[in-house]
Amino acid sequence: MSVNKIASKDTNNISKIIDTDISTFSNIGNHEIEQISMARFDPNKADPTMHVLADGTTIYSTGNTWRSIITDIGMNTGKIYFETEWKTSVNNYSAVSGICNSSLDPTAYHPIASVNVVNWKSSETLLRIQGSNVSLGTSWNSTNTIIGFAVDIDNKLIWTMKDGVWLYGDPSAGTGGESFTLGPPIYIFGIVYWSGDYLYHYFENWNYTPPTGFVSPTSALV
């Protein structure tokens, strides 16, 4: 079964799905199980102070500290697009969003300069690429600001967007972009500093149209 096949079913009646498909379950292989997986933040790949809501994409902190949470499934190939948005902030706009490799330790303190990550901190005008800084000229430290990341895993290029405007280059045309050397699999990670703050991620159902050729992290798995 694929994501599309499951999505086309009446998921309000799970027993109907089971009755319809039970005869085929014995024939489902590992590859097909991977196909129905969805990229979501993994509470088992997080510092104890970092948490995720039931939707799997909204992260928050209970610790007032710089610790991380990482998605459950890494991507080995393809072009992915995702967005991040402040919805609620009770204090300061201190958050981080970006990509990492499998070596990132979510319990590490303030890992934004780590060689294992590419990220944008909300209060900074810099894209941090494995410890090196690229000037973006703007921050995203205001509620309801939406930023986006377009990641070409195969060519190791990343672009950033703020409120629908790409800040350097054009990912649809494949121009510009910043290089990184993270080896796959590539994961998405996030940090929320202040306890009670919430940071939304859009892996599907975006606010802006993805660049040409870029898909959701979930679609990249299929």
Protein backbone atom coordinates (compact mmCIF):
# COMPACT_ATOMS: atom_id res chain seq x y z
CA MET A 1 0.00 0.00 0.00
CA SER A 2 1.10 3.57 -0.56
CA VAL A 3 0.37 6.87 1.12
CA ASN A 4 -2.04 7.79 -1.66
CA LYS A 5 -3.98 4.57 -1.30
CA ILE A 6 -4.41 5.05 2.43
CA ALA A 7 -5.29 8.72 1.99
CA SER A 8 -8.11 7.75 -0.40
CA LYS A 9 -9.79 5.57 2.22
CA ASP A 10 -12.35 6.54 4.86
CA THR A 11 -9.97 6.94 7.77
CA ASN A 12 -12.90 7.73 10.08
CA ASN A 13 -13.78 4.05 10.00
CA ILE A 14 -10.59 2.20 10.74
CA SER A 15 -12.42 -1.12 11.06
CA LYS A 16 -13.58 -0.78 7.46
CA ILE A 17 -9.98 -0.33 6.35
CA ILE A 18 -8.91 -3.38 8.32
CA ASP A 19 -11.79 -5.49 6.97
CA THR A 20 -10.97 -4.44 3.41
CA ASP A 21 -7.21 -4.88 3.55
CA ILE A 22 -6.64 -7.63 6.12
CA SER A 23 -6.29 -10.25 3.42
CA THR A 24 -3.36 -8.35 1.89
CA PHE A 25 -1.42 -7.60 5.09
CA SER A 26 0.56 -10.82 4.92
CA ASN A 27 1.95 -9.74 1.57
CA ILE A 28 3.18 -6.29 2.67
CA GLY A 29 6.96 -6.06 2.42
CA ASN A 30 9.42 -3.83 4.24
CA HIS A 31 9.60 -1.43 1.29
CA GLU A 32 5.84 -0.91 1.38
CA ILE A 33 5.92 -0.33 5.12
CA GLU A 34 8.48 2.40 4.53
CA GLN A 35 6.18 3.90 1.91
CA ILE A 36 3.35 4.49 4.38
CA SER A 37 5.65 6.16 6.92
CA MET A 38 5.29 9.90 7.47
CA ALA A 39 8.06 12.28 8.46
CA ARG A 40 7.29 13.56 11.95
CA PHE A 41 9.25 14.66 15.01
CA ASP A 42 10.21 11.74 17.19
CA PRO A 43 9.83 12.09 21.00
CA ASN A 44 12.40 9.31 21.31
CA LYS A 45 14.96 11.45 19.46
CA ALA A 46 14.69 14.48 21.71
CA ASP A 47 16.14 16.02 24.80
CA PRO A 48 13.83 15.47 27.82
CA THR A 49 12.97 19.19 27.72
CA MET A 50 11.75 19.06 24.10
CA HIS A 51 8.32 17.71 23.16
CA VAL A 52 5.99 17.31 20.20
CA LEU A 53 2.20 17.55 20.06
CA ALA A 54 0.05 14.73 18.73
CA ASP A 55 0.15 16.24 15.23
CA GLY A 56 3.83 15.27 15.08
CA THR A 57 4.94 18.65 13.74
CA THR A 58 4.39 21.19 16.54
CA ILE A 59 7.29 21.31 18.98
CA TYR A 60 7.62 23.02 22.34
CA SER A 61 9.94 23.25 25.33
CA THR A 62 9.49 22.76 29.05
CA GLY A 63 13.04 23.55 29.99
CA ASN A 64 14.16 27.07 29.04
CA THR A 65 17.29 25.67 27.46
CA TRP A 66 18.82 25.07 24.03
CA ARG A 67 18.10 21.40 23.28
CA SER A 68 16.79 19.64 20.19
CA ILE A 69 14.22 17.30 18.74
CA ILE A 70 14.71 15.40 15.47
CA THR A 71 12.40 13.80 12.92
CA ASP A 72 11.97 10.06 13.01
CA ILE A 73 12.91 9.24 9.41
CA GLY A 74 15.92 10.45 7.45
CA MET A 75 15.92 11.12 3.72
CA ASN A 76 18.68 9.80 1.48
CA THR A 77 17.83 11.44 -1.83
CA GLY A 78 15.56 13.95 -3.52
CA LYS A 79 14.50 17.58 -3.09
CA ILE A 80 12.46 18.45 -0.03
CA TYR A 81 10.61 21.55 1.15
CA PHE A 82 9.24 22.42 4.58
CA GLU A 83 8.11 25.52 6.46
CA THR A 84 8.38 26.74 10.05
CA GLU A 85 6.11 29.27 11.79
CA TRP A 86 5.79 30.93 15.17
CA LYS A 87 2.20 30.56 16.35
CA THR A 88 2.53 31.22 20.06
CA SER A 89 5.29 32.83 22.05
CA VAL A 90 5.02 33.61 25.73
CA ASN A 91 8.36 35.33 26.11
CA ASN A 92 11.18 35.74 23.64
CA TYR A 93 11.26 34.57 20.03
CA SER A 94 14.11 32.13 20.42
CA ALA A 95 13.89 29.10 18.18
CA VAL A 96 15.93 27.17 15.64
CA SER A 97 14.87 25.24 12.56
CA GLY A 98 16.92 23.38 9.97
CA ILE A 99 18.42 20.09 8.92
CA CYS A 100 20.91 17.72 10.52
CA ASN A 101 22.62 14.40 10.00
CA SER A 102 22.36 11.27 12.11
CA SER A 103 25.27 12.37 14.33
CA LEU A 104 23.42 15.24 16.01
CA ASP A 105 22.92 14.57 19.71
CA PRO A 106 19.56 16.13 20.73
CA THR A 107 20.78 16.52 24.31
CA ALA A 108 23.74 18.68 23.23
CA TYR A 109 23.53 22.28 24.44
CA HIS A 110 22.99 24.98 21.79
CA PRO A 111 24.21 22.94 18.79
CA ILE A 112 23.62 25.63 16.15
CA ALA A 113 27.35 25.88 15.36
CA SER A 114 27.77 22.12 15.18
CA VAL A 115 29.26 20.49 12.08
CA ASN A 116 26.17 18.26 12.12
CA VAL A 117 23.56 20.95 11.36
CA VAL A 118 22.43 23.65 8.93
CA ASN A 119 20.02 26.02 10.66
CA TRP A 120 18.45 29.44 11.03
CA LYS A 121 17.94 30.85 14.54
CA SER A 122 14.91 33.11 14.80
CA SER A 123 16.73 36.04 16.39
CA GLU A 124 19.63 36.03 13.92
CA THR A 125 20.14 37.21 10.35
CA LEU A 126 22.47 34.28 9.63
CA LEU A 127 22.14 30.88 8.08
CA ARG A 128 24.57 28.66 9.96
CA ILE A 129 26.05 25.98 7.74
CA GLN A 130 27.97 23.45 9.80
CA GLY A 131 29.60 26.21 11.83
CA SER A 132 30.05 28.76 9.01
CA ASN A 133 27.77 31.79 8.71
CA VAL A 134 25.97 33.11 5.63
CA SER A 135 24.27 36.51 5.95
CA LEU A 136 20.53 36.48 5.21
CA GLY A 137 19.92 40.12 6.11
CA THR A 138 16.76 39.41 8.08
CA SER A 139 15.55 37.49 11.11
CA TRP A 140 12.20 35.77 11.73
CA ASN A 141 11.64 36.76 15.36
CA SER A 142 8.01 37.79 15.13
CA THR A 143 4.82 35.81 15.64
CA ASN A 144 3.27 34.32 12.47
CA THR A 145 6.42 34.81 10.40
CA ILE A 146 6.83 31.85 8.06
CA ILE A 147 10.19 30.65 6.86
CA GLY A 148 10.90 27.87 4.40
CA PHE A 149 13.74 25.56 3.53
CA ALA A 150 14.32 23.96 0.13
CA VAL A 151 16.92 21.19 0.36
CA ASP A 152 18.50 19.41 -2.60
CA ILE A 153 19.93 16.35 -0.87
CA ASP A 154 21.72 14.94 -3.91
CA ASN A 155 23.49 18.17 -4.85
CA LYS A 156 23.89 19.28 -1.21
CA LEU A 157 22.31 22.72 -1.66
CA ILE A 158 19.92 24.61 0.59
CA TRP A 159 17.78 27.74 0.07
CA THR A 160 15.83 29.76 2.66
CA MET A 161 12.60 31.73 2.34
CA LYS A 162 10.82 34.30 4.53
CA ASP A 163 7.13 35.07 4.03
CA GLY A 164 7.20 33.82 0.45
CA VAL A 165 10.40 35.60 -0.63
CA TRP A 166 13.52 33.54 -1.36
CA LEU A 167 16.51 35.28 0.17
CA TYR A 168 19.20 34.17 -2.27
CA GLY A 169 18.89 32.36 -5.54
CA ASP A 170 15.93 30.52 -7.01
CA PRO A 171 15.48 26.87 -6.03
CA SER A 172 12.96 26.34 -8.85
CA ALA A 173 15.65 27.27 -11.37
CA GLY A 174 18.43 25.63 -9.38
CA THR A 175 20.34 28.92 -9.14
CA GLY A 176 22.08 30.20 -6.05
CA GLY A 177 21.67 28.17 -2.90
CA GLU A 178 24.28 27.47 -0.26
CA SER A 179 26.41 24.33 -0.15
CA PHE A 180 26.65 21.90 2.73
CA THR A 181 28.48 18.62 3.19
CA LEU A 182 26.10 16.74 5.47
CA GLY A 183 25.93 13.13 4.40
CA PRO A 184 22.57 11.43 4.13
CA PRO A 185 20.30 10.50 5.67
CA ILE A 186 19.14 14.08 6.25
CA TYR A 187 16.77 14.82 9.12
CA ILE A 188 14.81 17.93 10.13
CA PHE A 189 15.45 19.25 13.62
CA GLY A 190 14.13 22.05 15.78
CA ILE A 191 14.74 23.90 19.03
CA VAL A 192 12.41 26.02 21.16
CA TYR A 193 14.09 27.80 24.05
CA TRP A 194 11.35 29.27 26.22
CA SER A 195 8.99 26.99 28.11
CA GLY A 196 5.47 27.44 26.77
CA ASP A 197 6.48 28.57 23.28
CA TYR A 198 5.21 26.59 20.30
CA LEU A 199 6.81 26.24 16.90
CA TYR A 200 4.80 24.82 13.99
CA HIS A 201 6.33 22.92 11.09
CA TYR A 202 4.57 22.32 7.81
CA PHE A 203 5.79 19.14 6.14
CA GLU A 204 2.69 19.15 3.94
CA ASN A 205 -0.18 21.63 3.42
CA TRP A 206 2.18 24.58 3.17
CA ASN A 207 1.39 28.27 3.27
CA TYR A 208 3.38 28.91 0.09
CA THR A 209 3.84 26.96 -3.11
CA PRO A 210 6.95 24.78 -2.99
CA PRO A 211 9.67 25.47 -5.55
CA THR A 212 9.43 23.44 -8.74
CA GLY A 213 10.65 19.89 -8.22
CA PHE A 214 10.60 20.04 -4.42
CA VAL A 215 8.27 17.81 -2.40
CA SER A 216 7.35 17.22 1.21
CA PRO A 217 9.67 15.15 3.40
CA THR A 218 6.94 12.50 3.49
CA SER A 219 6.62 12.37 -0.30
CA ALA A 220 10.38 11.99 -0.59
CA LEU A 221 10.05 8.70 1.29
CA VAL A 222 7.63 7.15 -1.20
